[in-house]
Amino acid sequence: MIRHLLRNRRGAATIEFALLTVFFLGVMLVALDIGTYLIQRSALRQAVSAAATSSFAQRETVSYAAIPDYVRRAARAPATALVTTTCNGSAVCTNSARSCACLSRTATYVPAASCGVPCSGSGMAAGATSGYYLKISASYAYQPLVLPRGLLTASSISESATVRLQ
C-alpha cells in the first residue's frame, strides 16, 4: 500500500503549483511594501523640496506657518507627520529684522555681521556666503503592510532641505 502511494504521481503538479503560488505571493507582497516605502519617501522628498523652492521664490514674505500643512498635503503624509521650520538654527523665523549667519560644514550656524559676505574661519566651506537660512524638516512613521517594522532601512521616513533666503 505504501509503495503504491509513493509511486502514484497524480496530484503532484497541483501541490507544486500551490507551494509556488504561496511563495510567489509572499515575494510580491514584500515587493509591494518596498515599493510603497520608496514612493512615500520620494513624495516627501519632493514636497520638502517644493516647499523650499516656494519659500525661496517668496523670500521676502515667506509664510512660515503654512509650510507644515503645505508639506503634508503635497506629500500626502498623515496628519501626524512632524514638519518643522528653523531659521539659522532657531525655531523663530521672521520676514523682517533677519539676523545673518554662516552655515558650517557640520551644519551649525555661526553668526555673521551682515548677509551676502563670504564666510571665513575654521569649519566653513570654501566659497560659503552668509545669509538667512531656512531649514525644512519632515518625518513620519512608515507603516509596512507585510514586513516587520525596522526591516527596511528605517521605520520612519525623513527628509530635510536648507535654502538661503537672504
Protein backbone atom coordinates (compact mmCIF):
# COMPACT_ATOMS: atom_id res chain seq x y z
CA MET A 1 0.00 0.00 0.00
CA ILE A 2 2.74 2.48 0.94
CA ARG A 3 4.77 1.60 -2.17
CA HIS A 4 1.72 2.25 -4.29
CA LEU A 5 1.26 5.71 -2.75
CA LEU A 6 4.95 6.58 -3.25
CA ARG A 7 4.78 5.69 -6.95
CA ASN A 8 1.50 7.50 -7.53
CA ARG A 9 2.24 10.93 -9.18
CA ARG A 10 -1.35 12.07 -9.59
CA GLY A 11 -1.88 15.50 -7.99
CA ALA A 12 1.86 16.29 -7.72
CA ALA A 13 1.55 19.23 -10.10
CA THR A 14 -1.31 20.67 -8.04
CA ILE A 15 0.75 20.56 -4.86
CA GLU A 16 3.77 22.10 -6.59
CA PHE A 17 1.57 24.84 -8.02
CA ALA A 18 0.08 25.60 -4.59
CA LEU A 19 3.51 25.82 -2.93
CA LEU A 20 4.94 28.04 -5.67
CA THR A 21 1.86 30.27 -5.62
CA VAL A 22 2.25 30.90 -1.89
CA PHE A 23 5.96 31.70 -2.35
CA PHE A 24 5.25 33.98 -5.32
CA LEU A 25 2.50 35.80 -3.41
CA GLY A 26 4.88 36.38 -0.49
CA VAL A 27 7.56 37.81 -2.77
CA MET A 28 5.01 40.11 -4.42
CA LEU A 29 3.78 41.41 -1.05
CA VAL A 30 7.35 42.17 0.05
CA ALA A 31 7.97 43.97 -3.26
CA LEU A 32 4.75 45.94 -2.70
CA ASP A 33 5.96 47.01 0.77
CA ILE A 34 9.35 48.12 -0.50
CA GLY A 35 7.77 49.93 -3.45
CA THR A 36 5.31 51.74 -1.19
CA TYR A 37 8.15 52.81 1.11
CA LEU A 38 10.16 54.19 -1.82
CA ILE A 39 7.16 56.03 -3.27
CA GLN A 40 6.30 57.63 0.08
CA ARG A 41 9.94 58.64 0.65
CA SER A 42 10.10 60.17 -2.83
CA ALA A 43 6.84 62.06 -2.30
CA LEU A 44 8.12 63.50 0.99
CA ARG A 45 11.43 64.49 -0.64
CA GLN A 46 9.58 66.27 -3.46
CA ALA A 47 7.23 68.04 -1.03
CA VAL A 48 10.08 69.35 1.15
CA SER A 49 11.98 70.43 -1.95
CA ALA A 50 8.91 72.20 -3.35
CA ALA A 51 8.36 74.00 -0.04
CA ALA A 52 11.99 75.16 -0.05
CA THR A 53 11.72 76.34 -3.66
CA SER A 54 8.46 78.17 -2.94
CA SER A 55 10.00 79.80 0.13
CA PHE A 56 12.94 80.99 -1.93
CA ALA A 57 10.61 82.41 -4.60
CA GLN A 58 8.71 84.33 -1.88
CA ARG A 59 11.77 85.01 0.29
CA GLU A 60 10.64 88.49 1.36
CA THR A 61 7.21 87.33 2.60
CA VAL A 62 7.54 83.65 3.49
CA SER A 63 4.50 82.23 5.28
CA TYR A 64 6.39 80.06 7.79
CA ALA A 65 3.18 78.89 9.50
CA ALA A 66 1.80 77.50 6.22
CA ILE A 67 4.87 75.38 5.37
CA PRO A 68 3.97 72.33 7.55
CA ASP A 69 0.48 71.98 6.04
CA TYR A 70 1.86 72.50 2.54
CA VAL A 71 4.41 69.70 3.00
CA ARG A 72 1.84 67.31 4.50
CA ARG A 73 -0.63 67.92 1.66
CA ALA A 74 1.98 67.76 -1.11
CA ALA A 75 3.45 64.50 0.26
CA ARG A 76 0.03 63.07 1.15
CA ALA A 77 1.55 62.44 4.55
CA PRO A 78 -0.55 61.60 7.60
CA ALA A 79 -1.70 64.42 9.86
CA THR A 80 0.74 63.11 12.48
CA ALA A 81 3.73 63.91 10.24
CA LEU A 82 6.19 66.16 12.04
CA VAL A 83 7.19 69.15 9.90
CA THR A 84 9.47 71.79 11.43
CA THR A 85 10.98 75.00 10.15
CA THR A 86 14.06 76.64 11.64
CA CYS A 87 15.88 79.77 10.58
CA ASN A 88 19.61 79.96 11.29
CA GLY A 89 19.10 77.16 13.82
CA SER A 90 16.31 78.96 15.71
CA ALA A 91 12.65 77.92 15.81
CA VAL A 92 11.68 81.59 15.41
CA CYS A 93 11.55 82.69 11.77
CA THR A 94 10.80 86.22 10.66
CA ASN A 95 10.43 88.25 7.48
CA SER A 96 11.86 91.43 8.99
CA ALA A 97 14.97 92.21 11.03
CA ARG A 98 16.60 88.97 9.97
CA SER A 99 19.93 88.02 11.50
CA CYS A 100 22.55 86.53 9.20
CA ALA A 101 24.74 83.51 9.77
CA CYS A 102 27.24 81.27 8.03
CA LEU A 103 26.42 77.61 7.55
CA SER A 104 29.40 75.48 8.61
CA ARG A 105 30.46 72.08 7.30
CA THR A 106 28.90 70.47 10.40
CA ALA A 107 25.50 72.09 9.64
CA THR A 108 25.76 74.55 12.52
CA TYR A 109 25.15 78.26 12.16
CA VAL A 110 27.81 80.83 13.03
CA PRO A 111 26.53 84.43 13.45
CA ALA A 112 27.73 86.87 10.80
CA ALA A 113 27.87 90.67 10.80
CA SER A 114 25.89 91.02 7.58
CA CYS A 115 24.34 88.98 4.80
CA GLY A 116 26.00 88.30 1.49
CA VAL A 117 29.60 88.41 2.69
CA PRO A 118 31.99 85.49 2.32
CA CYS A 119 32.24 83.24 5.36
CA SER A 120 35.69 82.65 6.76
CA GLY A 121 37.16 80.75 9.66
CA SER A 122 37.63 77.16 10.62
CA GLY A 123 34.83 74.80 9.69
CA MET A 124 33.45 76.98 6.90
CA ALA A 125 33.07 75.57 3.42
CA ALA A 126 35.12 77.26 0.70
CA GLY A 127 33.03 79.90 -1.05
CA ALA A 128 30.26 79.90 1.58
CA THR A 129 28.27 83.11 1.89
CA SER A 130 26.48 84.42 4.97
CA GLY A 131 22.70 84.64 4.82
CA TYR A 132 19.38 83.87 6.41
CA TYR A 133 18.96 80.09 6.15
CA LEU A 134 15.62 78.28 6.31
CA LYS A 135 15.68 74.56 7.10
CA ILE A 136 12.55 72.49 6.50
CA SER A 137 12.49 69.02 8.10
CA ALA A 138 9.72 66.45 7.81
CA SER A 139 9.28 62.92 9.10
CA TYR A 140 6.60 60.36 9.85
CA ALA A 141 6.39 56.69 10.75
CA TYR A 142 6.18 54.25 7.85
CA GLN A 143 3.50 51.61 8.29
CA PRO A 144 4.54 48.46 6.37
CA LEU A 145 1.87 46.12 5.09
CA VAL A 146 3.76 42.83 5.38
CA LEU A 147 7.34 43.33 6.52
CA PRO A 148 8.13 43.59 10.23
CA ARG A 149 8.92 47.11 11.42
CA GLY A 150 12.56 48.09 11.01
CA LEU A 151 13.30 45.54 8.30
CA LEU A 152 13.52 48.34 5.75
CA THR A 153 16.26 50.96 6.13
CA ALA A 154 14.28 52.80 8.78
CA SER A 155 10.86 52.61 10.35
CA SER A 156 10.33 56.31 9.64
CA ILE A 157 10.62 58.44 6.53
CA SER A 158 12.60 61.67 6.99
CA GLU A 159 13.68 64.44 4.64
CA SER A 160 15.08 67.93 5.05
CA ALA A 161 16.15 70.84 2.87
CA THR A 162 18.03 74.06 3.62
CA VAL A 163 17.66 77.18 1.50
CA ARG A 164 19.30 80.61 1.82
CA LEU A 165 16.60 83.28 1.77
CA GLN A 166 18.77 86.37 2.09
